[in-house]
Amino acid sequence: MQPSEPDFLEVLVTSLAIKIDVPLIFNDNSGAVVISKEPKLNPNTKHIEIRFQYIRQLINGRVMKIQQVSTVGMIADILTKPLGKIKLADACKQLHLTNSSRTLHPPNRFTYHSIIKTLIF
C-alpha cells in the first residue's frame, strides 16, 4: 500500500498538534457498510476485497467511521440525484444553504432587466 495524500495530511496535522474528530461517513447501502466492517471473503466480494482493503484498514484503525442511514435521510442525494421540491428544500435546510439572491436582493423586474442589459451590452 502506498502512502497517499490523506496519510501525509494526517502526519502534518499530528505534527502541528491539531485535534480533529474522526470523520463519519454516512452510507445508505447496508451491504457496503457490512463489507467495510467485516473482512469475510466470499466469491461475490473477492473483487471488492482488493479495492476496499485500504478503507477497511482506516475503519479498523479508527481513522474514519461508517454509519448506515436510511435513503430518506441521505443528505448527499442533493449532489447525486434529481430531487423533488420538498426533498430539495429539506436537504438545503439540513446543509444550511439559502438562496442569497432572494435573501439579499428580492427579485424584481428591474433587477432582471439590468442583468440582461449588462450581458447584452
PDB file of N, CA and C in Angstrom:
ATOM      1  N   MET A   1       0.851  -1.184   0.000  1.00  0.00           N
ATOM      2  CA  MET A   1       0.000   0.000   0.000  1.00  0.00           C
ATOM      3  C   MET A   1       0.892   1.241   0.000  1.00  0.00           C
ATOM      4  N   GLN A   2       0.608   2.166  -0.892  1.00  0.00           N
ATOM      5  CA  GLN A   2       1.406   3.374  -0.997  1.00  0.00           C
ATOM      6  C   GLN A   2       0.847   4.455  -0.093  1.00  0.00           C
ATOM      7  N   PRO A   3       1.729   5.295   0.463  1.00  0.00           N
ATOM      8  CA  PRO A   3       1.220   6.433   1.236  1.00  0.00           C
ATOM      9  C   PRO A   3       0.469   7.374   0.302  1.00  0.00           C
ATOM     10  N   SER A   4      -0.581   7.933   0.785  1.00  0.00           N
ATOM     11  CA  SER A   4      -1.396   8.800  -0.057  1.00  0.00           C
ATOM     12  C   SER A   4      -1.475  10.187   0.561  1.00  0.00           C
ATOM     13  N   GLU A   5      -2.177  11.069  -0.118  1.00  0.00           N
ATOM     14  CA  GLU A   5      -2.340  12.428   0.376  1.00  0.00           C
ATOM     15  C   GLU A   5      -2.982  12.461   1.761  1.00  0.00           C
ATOM     16  N   PRO A   6      -4.039  11.667   2.028  1.00  0.00           N
ATOM     17  CA  PRO A   6      -4.602  11.679   3.388  1.00  0.00           C
ATOM     18  C   PRO A   6      -3.583  11.264   4.450  1.00  0.00           C
ATOM     19  N   ASP A   7      -2.699  10.308   4.128  1.00  0.00           N
ATOM     20  CA  ASP A   7      -1.670   9.903   5.088  1.00  0.00           C
ATOM     21  C   ASP A   7      -0.736  11.068   5.384  1.00  0.00           C
ATOM     22  N   PHE A   8      -0.317  11.777   4.348  1.00  0.00           N
ATOM     23  CA  PHE A   8       0.562  12.926   4.518  1.00  0.00           C
ATOM     24  C   PHE A   8      -0.116  13.987   5.371  1.00  0.00           C
ATOM     25  N   LEU A   9      -1.391  14.256   5.085  1.00  0.00           N
ATOM     26  CA  LEU A   9      -2.128  15.260   5.848  1.00  0.00           C
ATOM     27  C   LEU A   9      -2.265  14.855   7.307  1.00  0.00           C
ATOM     28  N   GLU A  10      -2.456  13.564   7.553  1.00  0.00           N
ATOM     29  CA  GLU A  10      -2.558  13.084   8.935  1.00  0.00           C
ATOM     30  C   GLU A  10      -1.253  13.339   9.683  1.00  0.00           C
ATOM     31  N   VAL A  11      -0.129  13.049   9.053  1.00  0.00           N
ATOM     32  CA  VAL A  11       1.177  13.291   9.681  1.00  0.00           C
ATOM     33  C   VAL A  11       1.368  14.782   9.930  1.00  0.00           C
ATOM     34  N   LEU A  12       0.999  15.607   8.963  1.00  0.00           N
ATOM     35  CA  LEU A  12       1.140  17.054   9.107  1.00  0.00           C
ATOM     36  C   LEU A  12       0.289  17.587  10.256  1.00  0.00           C
ATOM     37  N   VAL A  13      -0.974  17.185  10.296  1.00  0.00           N
ATOM     38  CA  VAL A  13      -1.884  17.651  11.349  1.00  0.00           C
ATOM     39  C   VAL A  13      -1.403  17.181  12.719  1.00  0.00           C
ATOM     40  N   THR A  14      -0.936  15.944  12.801  1.00  0.00           N
ATOM     41  CA  THR A  14      -0.425  15.416  14.066  1.00  0.00           C
ATOM     42  C   THR A  14       0.798  16.204  14.516  1.00  0.00           C
ATOM     43  N   SER A  15       1.696  16.511  13.595  1.00  0.00           N
ATOM     44  CA  SER A  15       2.905  17.251  13.963  1.00  0.00           C
ATOM     45  C   SER A  15       2.585  18.674  14.408  1.00  0.00           C
ATOM     46  N   LEU A  16       1.478  19.223  13.946  1.00  0.00           N
ATOM     47  CA  LEU A  16       1.064  20.564  14.362  1.00  0.00           C
ATOM     48  C   LEU A  16       0.210  20.537  15.626  1.00  0.00           C
ATOM     49  N   ALA A  17      -0.017  19.352  16.168  1.00  0.00           N
ATOM     50  CA  ALA A  17      -0.796  19.152  17.398  1.00  0.00           C
ATOM     51  C   ALA A  17      -2.213  19.711  17.269  1.00  0.00           C
ATOM     52  N   ILE A  18      -2.833  19.459  16.128  1.00  0.00           N
ATOM     53  CA  ILE A  18      -4.216  19.882  15.899  1.00  0.00           C
ATOM     54  C   ILE A  18      -5.121  18.682  16.125  1.00  0.00           C
ATOM     55  N   LYS A  19      -6.165  18.860  16.928  1.00  0.00           N
ATOM     56  CA  LYS A  19      -7.111  17.785  17.228  1.00  0.00           C
ATOM     57  C   LYS A  19      -8.252  17.826  16.219  1.00  0.00           C
ATOM     58  N   ILE A  20      -8.417  16.736  15.489  1.00  0.00           N
ATOM     59  CA  ILE A  20      -9.501  16.633  14.506  1.00  0.00           C
ATOM     60  C   ILE A  20     -10.328  15.400  14.833  1.00  0.00           C
ATOM     61  N   ASP A  21     -11.643  15.562  14.846  1.00  0.00           N
ATOM     62  CA  ASP A  21     -12.527  14.427  15.105  1.00  0.00           C
ATOM     63  C   ASP A  21     -12.445  13.422  13.958  1.00  0.00           C
ATOM     64  N   VAL A  22     -12.712  12.171  14.284  1.00  0.00           N
ATOM     65  CA  VAL A  22     -12.729  11.113  13.274  1.00  0.00           C
ATOM     66  C   VAL A  22     -13.906  11.370  12.337  1.00  0.00           C
ATOM     67  N   PRO A  23     -13.656  11.433  11.016  1.00  0.00           N
ATOM     68  CA  PRO A  23     -14.765  11.683  10.092  1.00  0.00           C
ATOM     69  C   PRO A  23     -15.766  10.532  10.088  1.00  0.00           C
ATOM     70  N   LEU A  24     -17.035  10.879  10.010  1.00  0.00           N
ATOM     71  CA  LEU A  24     -18.113   9.900   9.969  1.00  0.00           C
ATOM     72  C   LEU A  24     -18.701   9.905   8.565  1.00  0.00           C
ATOM     73  N   ILE A  25     -18.685   8.746   7.922  1.00  0.00           N
ATOM     74  CA  ILE A  25     -19.200   8.615   6.568  1.00  0.00           C
ATOM     75  C   ILE A  25     -20.575   7.967   6.638  1.00  0.00           C
ATOM     76  N   PHE A  26     -21.577   8.646   6.087  1.00  0.00           N
ATOM     77  CA  PHE A  26     -22.930   8.111   6.047  1.00  0.00           C
ATOM     78  C   PHE A  26     -23.112   7.343   4.744  1.00  0.00           C
ATOM     79  N   ASN A  27     -23.730   6.173   4.840  1.00  0.00           N
ATOM     80  CA  ASN A  27     -23.934   5.330   3.671  1.00  0.00           C
ATOM     81  C   ASN A  27     -25.325   4.721   3.758  1.00  0.00           C
ATOM     82  N   ASP A  28     -26.074   4.775   2.661  1.00  0.00           N
ATOM     83  CA  ASP A  28     -27.418   4.193   2.677  1.00  0.00           C
ATOM     84  C   ASP A  28     -27.448   2.796   2.067  1.00  0.00           C
ATOM     85  N   ASN A  29     -26.291   2.193   1.843  1.00  0.00           N
ATOM     86  CA  ASN A  29     -26.203   0.843   1.301  1.00  0.00           C
ATOM     87  C   ASN A  29     -25.728  -0.093   2.411  1.00  0.00           C
ATOM     88  N   SER A  30     -26.643  -0.890   2.953  1.00  0.00           N
ATOM     89  CA  SER A  30     -26.299  -1.754   4.096  1.00  0.00           C
ATOM     90  C   SER A  30     -25.221  -2.767   3.735  1.00  0.00           C
ATOM     91  N   GLY A  31     -25.221  -3.261   2.499  1.00  0.00           N
ATOM     92  CA  GLY A  31     -24.195  -4.210   2.071  1.00  0.00           C
ATOM     93  C   GLY A  31     -22.806  -3.599   2.109  1.00  0.00           C
ATOM     94  N   ALA A  32     -22.691  -2.355   1.669  1.00  0.00           N
ATOM     95  CA  ALA A  32     -21.396  -1.668   1.682  1.00  0.00           C
ATOM     96  C   ALA A  32     -20.908  -1.453   3.110  1.00  0.00           C
ATOM     97  N   VAL A  33     -21.827  -1.157   4.016  1.00  0.00           N
ATOM     98  CA  VAL A  33     -21.445  -0.961   5.419  1.00  0.00           C
ATOM     99  C   VAL A  33     -20.927  -2.267   6.008  1.00  0.00           C
ATOM    100  N   VAL A  34     -21.614  -3.372   5.749  1.00  0.00           N
ATOM    101  CA  VAL A  34     -21.196  -4.682   6.267  1.00  0.00           C
ATOM    102  C   VAL A  34     -19.831  -5.067   5.706  1.00  0.00           C
ATOM    103  N   ILE A  35     -19.646  -4.909   4.395  1.00  0.00           N
ATOM    104  CA  ILE A  35     -18.373  -5.272   3.772  1.00  0.00           C
ATOM    105  C   ILE A  35     -17.231  -4.426   4.322  1.00  0.00           C
ATOM    106  N   SER A  36     -17.498  -3.157   4.611  1.00  0.00           N
ATOM    107  CA  SER A  36     -16.433  -2.291   5.113  1.00  0.00           C
ATOM    108  C   SER A  36     -16.014  -2.644   6.533  1.00  0.00           C
ATOM    109  N   LYS A  37     -16.906  -3.264   7.293  1.00  0.00           N
ATOM    110  CA  LYS A  37     -16.594  -3.590   8.687  1.00  0.00           C
ATOM    111  C   LYS A  37     -16.133  -5.027   8.886  1.00  0.00           C
ATOM    112  N   GLU A  38     -16.611  -5.957   8.066  1.00  0.00           N
ATOM    113  CA  GLU A  38     -16.309  -7.378   8.259  1.00  0.00           C
ATOM    114  C   GLU A  38     -15.457  -7.907   7.110  1.00  0.00           C
ATOM    115  N   PRO A  39     -14.284  -8.419   7.416  1.00  0.00           N
ATOM    116  CA  PRO A  39     -13.391  -8.898   6.353  1.00  0.00           C
ATOM    117  C   PRO A  39     -13.687 -10.320   5.883  1.00  0.00           C
ATOM    118  N   LYS A  40     -14.951 -10.669   5.712  1.00  0.00           N
ATOM    119  CA  LYS A  40     -15.303 -12.007   5.227  1.00  0.00           C
ATOM    120  C   LYS A  40     -15.110 -12.053   3.717  1.00  0.00           C
ATOM    121  N   LEU A  41     -14.362 -13.030   3.264  1.00  0.00           N
ATOM    122  CA  LEU A  41     -14.097 -13.176   1.839  1.00  0.00           C
ATOM    123  C   LEU A  41     -14.988 -14.272   1.273  1.00  0.00           C
ATOM    124  N   ASN A  42     -15.740 -13.956   0.241  1.00  0.00           N
ATOM    125  CA  ASN A  42     -16.517 -14.962  -0.469  1.00  0.00           C
ATOM    126  C   ASN A  42     -16.428 -14.663  -1.965  1.00  0.00           C
ATOM    127  N   PRO A  43     -16.836 -15.594  -2.804  1.00  0.00           N
ATOM    128  CA  PRO A  43     -16.690 -15.386  -4.257  1.00  0.00           C
ATOM    129  C   PRO A  43     -17.359 -14.112  -4.785  1.00  0.00           C
ATOM    130  N   ASN A  44     -18.435 -13.679  -4.141  1.00  0.00           N
ATOM    131  CA  ASN A  44     -19.143 -12.489  -4.616  1.00  0.00           C
ATOM    132  C   ASN A  44     -18.442 -11.187  -4.253  1.00  0.00           C
ATOM    133  N   THR A  45     -17.597 -11.214  -3.242  1.00  0.00           N
ATOM    134  CA  THR A  45     -16.940  -9.981  -2.801  1.00  0.00           C
ATOM    135  C   THR A  45     -15.434  -9.984  -3.022  1.00  0.00           C
ATOM    136  N   LYS A  46     -14.929 -10.984  -3.724  1.00  0.00           N
ATOM    137  CA  LYS A  46     -13.481 -11.089  -3.918  1.00  0.00           C
ATOM    138  C   LYS A  46     -12.914  -9.850  -4.622  1.00  0.00           C
ATOM    139  N   HIS A  47     -13.598  -9.360  -5.666  1.00  0.00           N
ATOM    140  CA  HIS A  47     -13.111  -8.176  -6.384  1.00  0.00           C
ATOM    141  C   HIS A  47     -13.196  -6.920  -5.520  1.00  0.00           C
ATOM    142  N   ILE A  48     -14.144  -6.903  -4.599  1.00  0.00           N
ATOM    143  CA  ILE A  48     -14.303  -5.755  -3.707  1.00  0.00           C
ATOM    144  C   ILE A  48     -13.187  -5.734  -2.669  1.00  0.00           C
ATOM    145  N   GLU A  49     -12.758  -6.902  -2.242  1.00  0.00           N
ATOM    146  CA  GLU A  49     -11.713  -7.005  -1.231  1.00  0.00           C
ATOM    147  C   GLU A  49     -10.480  -6.187  -1.590  1.00  0.00           C
ATOM    148  N   ILE A  50     -10.029  -6.319  -2.810  1.00  0.00           N
ATOM    149  CA  ILE A  50      -8.801  -5.642  -3.225  1.00  0.00           C
ATOM    150  C   ILE A  50      -8.991  -4.130  -3.234  1.00  0.00           C
ATOM    151  N   ARG A  51     -10.099  -3.675  -3.760  1.00  0.00           N
ATOM    152  CA  ARG A  51     -10.342  -2.236  -3.884  1.00  0.00           C
ATOM    153  C   ARG A  51     -10.541  -1.539  -2.542  1.00  0.00           C
ATOM    154  N   PHE A  52     -11.220  -2.193  -1.622  1.00  0.00           N
ATOM    155  CA  PHE A  52     -11.608  -1.517  -0.391  1.00  0.00           C
ATOM    156  C   PHE A  52     -10.810  -1.940   0.838  1.00  0.00           C
ATOM    157  N   GLN A  53      -9.727  -2.629   0.625  1.00  0.00           N
ATOM    158  CA  GLN A  53      -8.895  -3.047   1.748  1.00  0.00           C
ATOM    159  C   GLN A  53      -8.375  -1.821   2.506  1.00  0.00           C
ATOM    160  N   TYR A  54      -7.982  -0.789   1.794  1.00  0.00           N
ATOM    161  CA  TYR A  54      -7.470   0.425   2.429  1.00  0.00           C
ATOM    162  C   TYR A  54      -8.554   1.092   3.279  1.00  0.00           C
ATOM    163  N   ILE A  55      -9.769   1.164   2.762  1.00  0.00           N
ATOM    164  CA  ILE A  55     -10.869   1.768   3.517  1.00  0.00           C
ATOM    165  C   ILE A  55     -11.146   0.970   4.780  1.00  0.00           C
ATOM    166  N   ARG A  56     -11.133  -0.357   4.669  1.00  0.00           N
ATOM    167  CA  ARG A  56     -11.354  -1.199   5.843  1.00  0.00           C
ATOM    168  C   ARG A  56     -10.259  -0.961   6.886  1.00  0.00           C
ATOM    169  N   GLN A  57      -9.019  -0.800   6.435  1.00  0.00           N
ATOM    170  CA  GLN A  57      -7.918  -0.531   7.361  1.00  0.00           C
ATOM    171  C   GLN A  57      -8.136   0.795   8.089  1.00  0.00           C
ATOM    172  N   LEU A  58      -8.628   1.790   7.382  1.00  0.00           N
ATOM    173  CA  LEU A  58      -8.909   3.080   8.015  1.00  0.00           C
ATOM    174  C   LEU A  58     -10.017   2.952   9.057  1.00  0.00           C
ATOM    175  N   ILE A  59     -11.045   2.176   8.739  1.00  0.00           N
ATOM    176  CA  ILE A  59     -12.152   1.987   9.681  1.00  0.00           C
ATOM    177  C   ILE A  59     -11.678   1.196  10.897  1.00  0.00           C
ATOM    178  N   ASN A  60     -10.948   0.116  10.665  1.00  0.00           N
ATOM    179  CA  ASN A  60     -10.442  -0.692  11.783  1.00  0.00           C
ATOM    180  C   ASN A  60      -9.426   0.071  12.624  1.00  0.00           C
ATOM    181  N   GLY A  61      -8.673   0.967  11.997  1.00  0.00           N
ATOM    182  CA  GLY A  61      -7.706   1.781  12.722  1.00  0.00           C
ATOM    183  C   GLY A  61      -8.321   3.009  13.353  1.00  0.00           C
ATOM    184  N   ARG A  62      -9.625   3.116  13.266  1.00  0.00           N
ATOM    185  CA  ARG A  62     -10.394   4.224  13.833  1.00  0.00           C
ATOM    186  C   ARG A  62      -9.960   5.590  13.283  1.00  0.00           C
ATOM    187  N   VAL A  63      -9.550   5.590  12.011  1.00  0.00           N
ATOM    188  CA  VAL A  63      -9.214   6.832  11.331  1.00  0.00           C
ATOM    189  C   VAL A  63     -10.485   7.446  10.752  1.00  0.00           C
ATOM    190  N   MET A  64     -11.457   6.593  10.424  1.00  0.00           N
ATOM    191  CA  MET A  64     -12.763   7.046   9.968  1.00  0.00           C
ATOM    192  C   MET A  64     -13.822   6.071  10.466  1.00  0.00           C
ATOM    193  N   LYS A  65     -15.059   6.547  10.507  1.00  0.00           N
ATOM    194  CA  LYS A  65     -16.195   5.717  10.911  1.00  0.00           C
ATOM    195  C   LYS A  65     -17.167   5.654   9.744  1.00  0.00           C
ATOM    196  N   ILE A  66     -17.952   4.588   9.719  1.00  0.00           N
ATOM    197  CA  ILE A  66     -19.004   4.479   8.710  1.00  0.00           C
ATOM    198  C   ILE A  66     -20.306   4.145   9.426  1.00  0.00           C
ATOM    199  N   GLN A  67     -21.382   4.769   8.998  1.00  0.00           N
ATOM    200  CA  GLN A  67     -22.679   4.562   9.642  1.00  0.00           C
ATOM    201  C   GLN A  67     -23.752   4.464   8.569  1.00  0.00           C
ATOM    202  N   GLN A  68     -24.633   3.502   8.734  1.00  0.00           N
ATOM    203  CA  GLN A  68     -25.735   3.352   7.794  1.00  0.00           C
ATOM    204  C   GLN A  68     -26.848   4.326   8.144  1.00  0.00           C
ATOM    205  N   VAL A  69     -27.394   4.964   7.122  1.00  0.00           N
ATOM    206  CA  VAL A  69     -28.560   5.828   7.283  1.00  0.00           C
ATOM    207  C   VAL A  69     -29.599   5.398   6.257  1.00  0.00           C
ATOM    208  N   SER A  70     -30.835   5.744   6.501  1.00  0.00           N
ATOM    209  CA  SER A  70     -31.883   5.389   5.541  1.00  0.00           C
ATOM    210  C   SER A  70     -31.731   6.243   4.285  1.00  0.00           C
ATOM    211  N   THR A  71     -32.274   5.760   3.200  1.00  0.00           N
ATOM    212  CA  THR A  71     -32.219   6.507   1.944  1.00  0.00           C
ATOM    213  C   THR A  71     -32.900   7.860   2.093  1.00  0.00           C
ATOM    214  N   VAL A  72     -33.944   7.907   2.906  1.00  0.00           N
ATOM    215  CA  VAL A  72     -34.671   9.161   3.121  1.00  0.00           C
ATOM    216  C   VAL A  72     -33.774  10.203   3.787  1.00  0.00           C
ATOM    217  N   GLY A  73     -32.887   9.761   4.679  1.00  0.00           N
ATOM    218  CA  GLY A  73     -32.039  10.692   5.412  1.00  0.00           C
ATOM    219  C   GLY A  73     -30.705  10.988   4.768  1.00  0.00           C
ATOM    220  N   MET A  74     -30.491  10.536   3.542  1.00  0.00           N
ATOM    221  CA  MET A  74     -29.196  10.727   2.878  1.00  0.00           C
ATOM    222  C   MET A  74     -29.105  12.132   2.287  1.00  0.00           C
ATOM    223  N   ILE A  75     -28.410  13.020   2.983  1.00  0.00           N
ATOM    224  CA  ILE A  75     -28.290  14.413   2.560  1.00  0.00           C
ATOM    225  C   ILE A  75     -27.499  14.533   1.259  1.00  0.00           C
ATOM    226  N   ALA A  76     -26.550  13.636   1.038  1.00  0.00           N
ATOM    227  CA  ALA A  76     -25.702  13.716  -0.158  1.00  0.00           C
ATOM    228  C   ALA A  76     -26.487  13.534  -1.451  1.00  0.00           C
ATOM    229  N   ASP A  77     -27.721  13.066  -1.373  1.00  0.00           N
ATOM    230  CA  ASP A  77     -28.538  12.901  -2.581  1.00  0.00           C
ATOM    231  C   ASP A  77     -28.712  14.221  -3.330  1.00  0.00           C
ATOM    232  N   ILE A  78     -28.587  15.335  -2.626  1.00  0.00           N
ATOM    233  CA  ILE A  78     -28.707  16.638  -3.281  1.00  0.00           C
ATOM    234  C   ILE A  78     -27.621  16.811  -4.344  1.00  0.00           C
ATOM    235  N   LEU A  79     -26.497  16.105  -4.181  1.00  0.00           N
ATOM    236  CA  LEU A  79     -25.382  16.212  -5.118  1.00  0.00           C
ATOM    237  C   LEU A  79     -25.402  15.145  -6.202  1.00  0.00           C
ATOM    238  N   THR A  80     -26.203  14.094  -6.017  1.00  0.00           N
ATOM    239  CA  THR A  80     -26.116  12.955  -6.930  1.00  0.00           C
ATOM    240  C   THR A  80     -27.411  12.589  -7.639  1.00  0.00           C
ATOM    241  N   LYS A  81     -28.548  13.116  -7.191  1.00  0.00           N
ATOM    242  CA  LYS A  81     -29.830  12.702  -7.763  1.00  0.00           C
ATOM    243  C   LYS A  81     -30.733  13.905  -7.992  1.00  0.00           C
ATOM    244  N   PRO A  82     -31.615  13.805  -8.973  1.00  0.00           N
ATOM    245  CA  PRO A  82     -32.625  14.858  -9.097  1.00  0.00           C
ATOM    246  C   PRO A  82     -33.653  14.690  -7.973  1.00  0.00           C
ATOM    247  N   LEU A  83     -33.909  15.741  -7.247  1.00  0.00           N
ATOM    248  CA  LEU A  83     -34.837  15.674  -6.119  1.00  0.00           C
ATOM    249  C   LEU A  83     -36.073  16.510  -6.407  1.00  0.00           C
ATOM    250  N   GLY A  84     -37.172  16.096  -5.808  1.00  0.00           N
ATOM    251  CA  GLY A  84     -38.389  16.890  -5.880  1.00  0.00           C
ATOM    252  C   GLY A  84     -38.247  18.142  -5.030  1.00  0.00           C
ATOM    253  N   LYS A  85     -39.204  19.026  -5.161  1.00  0.00           N
ATOM    254  CA  LYS A  85     -39.148  20.321  -4.483  1.00  0.00           C
ATOM    255  C   LYS A  85     -39.033  20.177  -2.963  1.00  0.00           C
ATOM    256  N   ILE A  86     -39.810  19.279  -2.374  1.00  0.00           N
ATOM    257  CA  ILE A  86     -39.816  19.121  -0.916  1.00  0.00           C
ATOM    258  C   ILE A  86     -38.502  18.523  -0.421  1.00  0.00           C
ATOM    259  N   LYS A  87     -38.033  17.453  -1.078  1.00  0.00           N
ATOM    260  CA  LYS A  87     -36.770  16.831  -0.665  1.00  0.00           C
ATOM    261  C   LYS A  87     -35.596  17.786  -0.857  1.00  0.00           C
ATOM    262  N   LEU A  88     -35.622  18.551  -1.935  1.00  0.00           N
ATOM    263  CA  LEU A  88     -34.562  19.521  -2.185  1.00  0.00           C
ATOM    264  C   LEU A  88     -34.553  20.594  -1.100  1.00  0.00           C
ATOM    265  N   ALA A  89     -35.725  21.080  -0.738  1.00  0.00           N
ATOM    266  CA  ALA A  89     -35.819  22.096   0.313  1.00  0.00           C
ATOM    267  C   ALA A  89     -35.319  21.541   1.647  1.00  0.00           C
ATOM    268  N   ASP A  90     -35.674  20.291   1.970  1.00  0.00           N
ATOM    269  CA  ASP A  90     -35.203  19.667   3.211  1.00  0.00           C
ATOM    270  C   ASP A  90     -33.687  19.516   3.220  1.00  0.00           C
ATOM    271  N   ALA A  91     -33.128  19.045   2.107  1.00  0.00           N
ATOM    272  CA  ALA A  91     -31.675  18.859   2.027  1.00  0.00           C
ATOM    273  C   ALA A  91     -30.956  20.198   2.154  1.00  0.00           C
ATOM    274  N   CYS A  92     -31.465  21.220   1.492  1.00  0.00           N
ATOM    275  CA  CYS A  92     -30.855  22.553   1.592  1.00  0.00           C
ATOM    276  C   CYS A  92     -30.905  23.067   3.029  1.00  0.00           C
ATOM    277  N   LYS A  93     -32.015  22.811   3.700  1.00  0.00           N
ATOM    278  CA  LYS A  93     -32.154  23.254   5.087  1.00  0.00           C
ATOM    279  C   LYS A  93     -31.150  22.530   5.986  1.00  0.00           C
ATOM    280  N   GLN A  94     -30.990  21.213   5.798  1.00  0.00           N
ATOM    281  CA  GLN A  94     -30.041  20.443   6.605  1.00  0.00           C
ATOM    282  C   GLN A  94     -28.603  20.886   6.361  1.00  0.00           C
ATOM    283  N   LEU A  95     -28.308  21.326   5.140  1.00  0.00           N
ATOM    284  CA  LEU A  95     -26.957  21.782   4.809  1.00  0.00           C
ATOM    285  C   LEU A  95     -26.774  23.277   5.072  1.00  0.00           C
ATOM    286  N   HIS A  96     -27.803  23.909   5.601  1.00  0.00           N
ATOM    287  CA  HIS A  96     -27.787  25.348   5.901  1.00  0.00           C
ATOM    288  C   HIS A  96     -27.513  26.179   4.646  1.00  0.00           C
ATOM    289  N   LEU A  97     -28.117  25.767   3.526  1.00  0.00           N
ATOM    290  CA  LEU A  97     -27.990  26.504   2.273  1.00  0.00           C
ATOM    291  C   LEU A  97     -29.194  27.414   2.108  1.00  0.00           C
ATOM    292  N   THR A  98     -28.948  28.621   1.652  1.00  0.00           N
ATOM    293  CA  THR A  98     -30.038  29.549   1.378  1.00  0.00           C
ATOM    294  C   THR A  98     -29.821  30.163   0.006  1.00  0.00           C
ATOM    295  N   ASN A  99     -30.867  30.697  -0.532  1.00  0.00           N
ATOM    296  CA  ASN A  99     -30.779  31.398  -1.804  1.00  0.00           C
ATOM    297  C   ASN A  99     -30.423  32.843  -1.497  1.00  0.00           C
ATOM    298  N   SER A 100     -29.165  33.193  -1.656  1.00  0.00           N
ATOM    299  CA  SER A 100     -28.709  34.527  -1.281  1.00  0.00           C
ATOM    300  C   SER A 100     -29.336  35.614  -2.146  1.00  0.00           C
ATOM    301  N   SER A 101     -29.681  35.303  -3.378  1.00  0.00           N
ATOM    302  CA  SER A 101     -30.293  36.331  -4.223  1.00  0.00           C
ATOM    303  C   SER A 101     -31.671  36.716  -3.690  1.00  0.00           C
ATOM    304  N   ARG A 102     -32.380  35.757  -3.131  1.00  0.00           N
ATOM    305  CA  ARG A 102     -33.690  36.071  -2.546  1.00  0.00           C
ATOM    306  C   ARG A 102     -33.527  36.749  -1.194  1.00  0.00           C
ATOM    307  N   THR A 103     -32.544  36.303  -0.429  1.00  0.00           N
ATOM    308  CA  THR A 103     -32.353  36.835   0.912  1.00  0.00           C
ATOM    309  C   THR A 103     -31.868  38.279   0.865  1.00  0.00           C
ATOM    310  N   LEU A 104     -30.870  38.543   0.029  1.00  0.00           N
ATOM    311  CA  LEU A 104     -30.268  39.864  -0.004  1.00  0.00           C
ATOM    312  C   LEU A 104     -30.969  40.818  -0.965  1.00  0.00           C
ATOM    313  N   HIS A 105     -31.387  40.309  -2.101  1.00  0.00           N
ATOM    314  CA  HIS A 105     -31.994  41.148  -3.123  1.00  0.00           C
ATOM    315  C   HIS A 105     -33.243  40.461  -3.660  1.00  0.00           C
ATOM    316  N   PRO A 106     -34.406  40.852  -3.192  1.00  0.00           N
ATOM    317  CA  PRO A 106     -35.615  40.212  -3.711  1.00  0.00           C
ATOM    318  C   PRO A 106     -35.700  40.423  -5.225  1.00  0.00           C
ATOM    319  N   PRO A 107     -36.002  39.355  -5.972  1.00  0.00           N
ATOM    320  CA  PRO A 107     -36.049  39.503  -7.423  1.00  0.00           C
ATOM    321  C   PRO A 107     -37.188  40.425  -7.852  1.00  0.00           C
ATOM    322  N   ASN A 108     -36.900  41.270  -8.778  1.00  0.00           N
ATOM    323  CA  ASN A 108     -37.948  42.092  -9.368  1.00  0.00           C
ATOM    324  C   ASN A 108     -37.609  42.316 -10.837  1.00  0.00           C
ATOM    325  N   ARG A 109     -38.525  42.914 -11.535  1.00  0.00           N
ATOM    326  CA  ARG A 109     -38.362  43.096 -12.975  1.00  0.00           C
ATOM    327  C   ARG A 109     -37.133  43.946 -13.285  1.00  0.00           C
ATOM    328  N   PHE A 110     -36.913  44.993 -12.505  1.00  0.00           N
ATOM    329  CA  PHE A 110     -35.781  45.886 -12.746  1.00  0.00           C
ATOM    330  C   PHE A 110     -34.451  45.137 -12.620  1.00  0.00           C
ATOM    331  N   THR A 111     -34.334  44.276 -11.628  1.00  0.00           N
ATOM    332  CA  THR A 111     -33.101  43.513 -11.426  1.00  0.00           C
ATOM    333  C   THR A 111     -32.802  42.658 -12.645  1.00  0.00           C
ATOM    334  N   TYR A 112     -33.796  41.928 -13.136  1.00  0.00           N
ATOM    335  CA  TYR A 112     -33.592  41.074 -14.294  1.00  0.00           C
ATOM    336  C   TYR A 112     -33.220  41.899 -15.527  1.00  0.00           C
ATOM    337  N   HIS A 113     -33.879  43.052 -15.710  1.00  0.00           N
ATOM    338  CA  HIS A 113     -33.577  43.903 -16.859  1.00  0.00           C
ATOM    339  C   HIS A 113     -32.142  44.405 -16.794  1.00  0.00           C
ATOM    340  N   SER A 114     -31.682  44.816 -15.618  1.00  0.00           N
ATOM    341  CA  SER A 114     -30.316  45.336 -15.506  1.00  0.00           C
ATOM    342  C   SER A 114     -29.291  44.231 -15.746  1.00  0.00           C
ATOM    343  N   ILE A 115     -29.584  43.015 -15.316  1.00  0.00           N
ATOM    344  CA  ILE A 115     -28.672  41.895 -15.552  1.00  0.00           C
ATOM    345  C   ILE A 115     -28.606  41.587 -17.040  1.00  0.00           C
ATOM    346  N   ILE A 116     -29.754  41.541 -17.698  1.00  0.00           N
ATOM    347  CA  ILE A 116     -29.791  41.247 -19.133  1.00  0.00           C
ATOM    348  C   ILE A 116     -29.083  42.346 -19.923  1.00  0.00           C
ATOM    349  N   LYS A 117     -29.302  43.609 -19.545  1.00  0.00           N
ATOM    350  CA  LYS A 117     -28.627  44.719 -20.223  1.00  0.00           C
ATOM    351  C   LYS A 117     -27.115  44.574 -20.118  1.00  0.00           C
ATOM    352  N   THR A 118     -26.650  44.221 -18.933  1.00  0.00           N
ATOM    353  CA  THR A 118     -25.213  44.060 -18.715  1.00  0.00           C
ATOM    354  C   THR A 118     -24.656  42.945 -19.585  1.00  0.00           C
ATOM    355  N   LEU A 119     -25.395  41.864 -19.719  1.00  0.00           N
ATOM    356  CA  LEU A 119     -24.926  40.738 -20.519  1.00  0.00           C
ATOM    357  C   LEU A 119     -24.939  41.046 -22.014  1.00  0.00           C
ATOM    358  N   ILE A 120     -25.936  41.791 -22.463  1.00  0.00           N
ATOM    359  CA  ILE A 120     -26.074  42.079 -23.892  1.00  0.00           C
ATOM    360  C   ILE A 120     -25.097  43.163 -24.345  1.00  0.00           C
ATOM    361  N   PHE A 121     -24.973  44.205 -23.558  1.00  0.00           N
ATOM    362  CA  PHE A 121     -24.154  45.344 -23.995  1.00  0.00           C
ATOM    363  C   PHE A 121     -22.825  45.230 -23.398  1.00  0.00           C
TER     364      PHE A 121
END
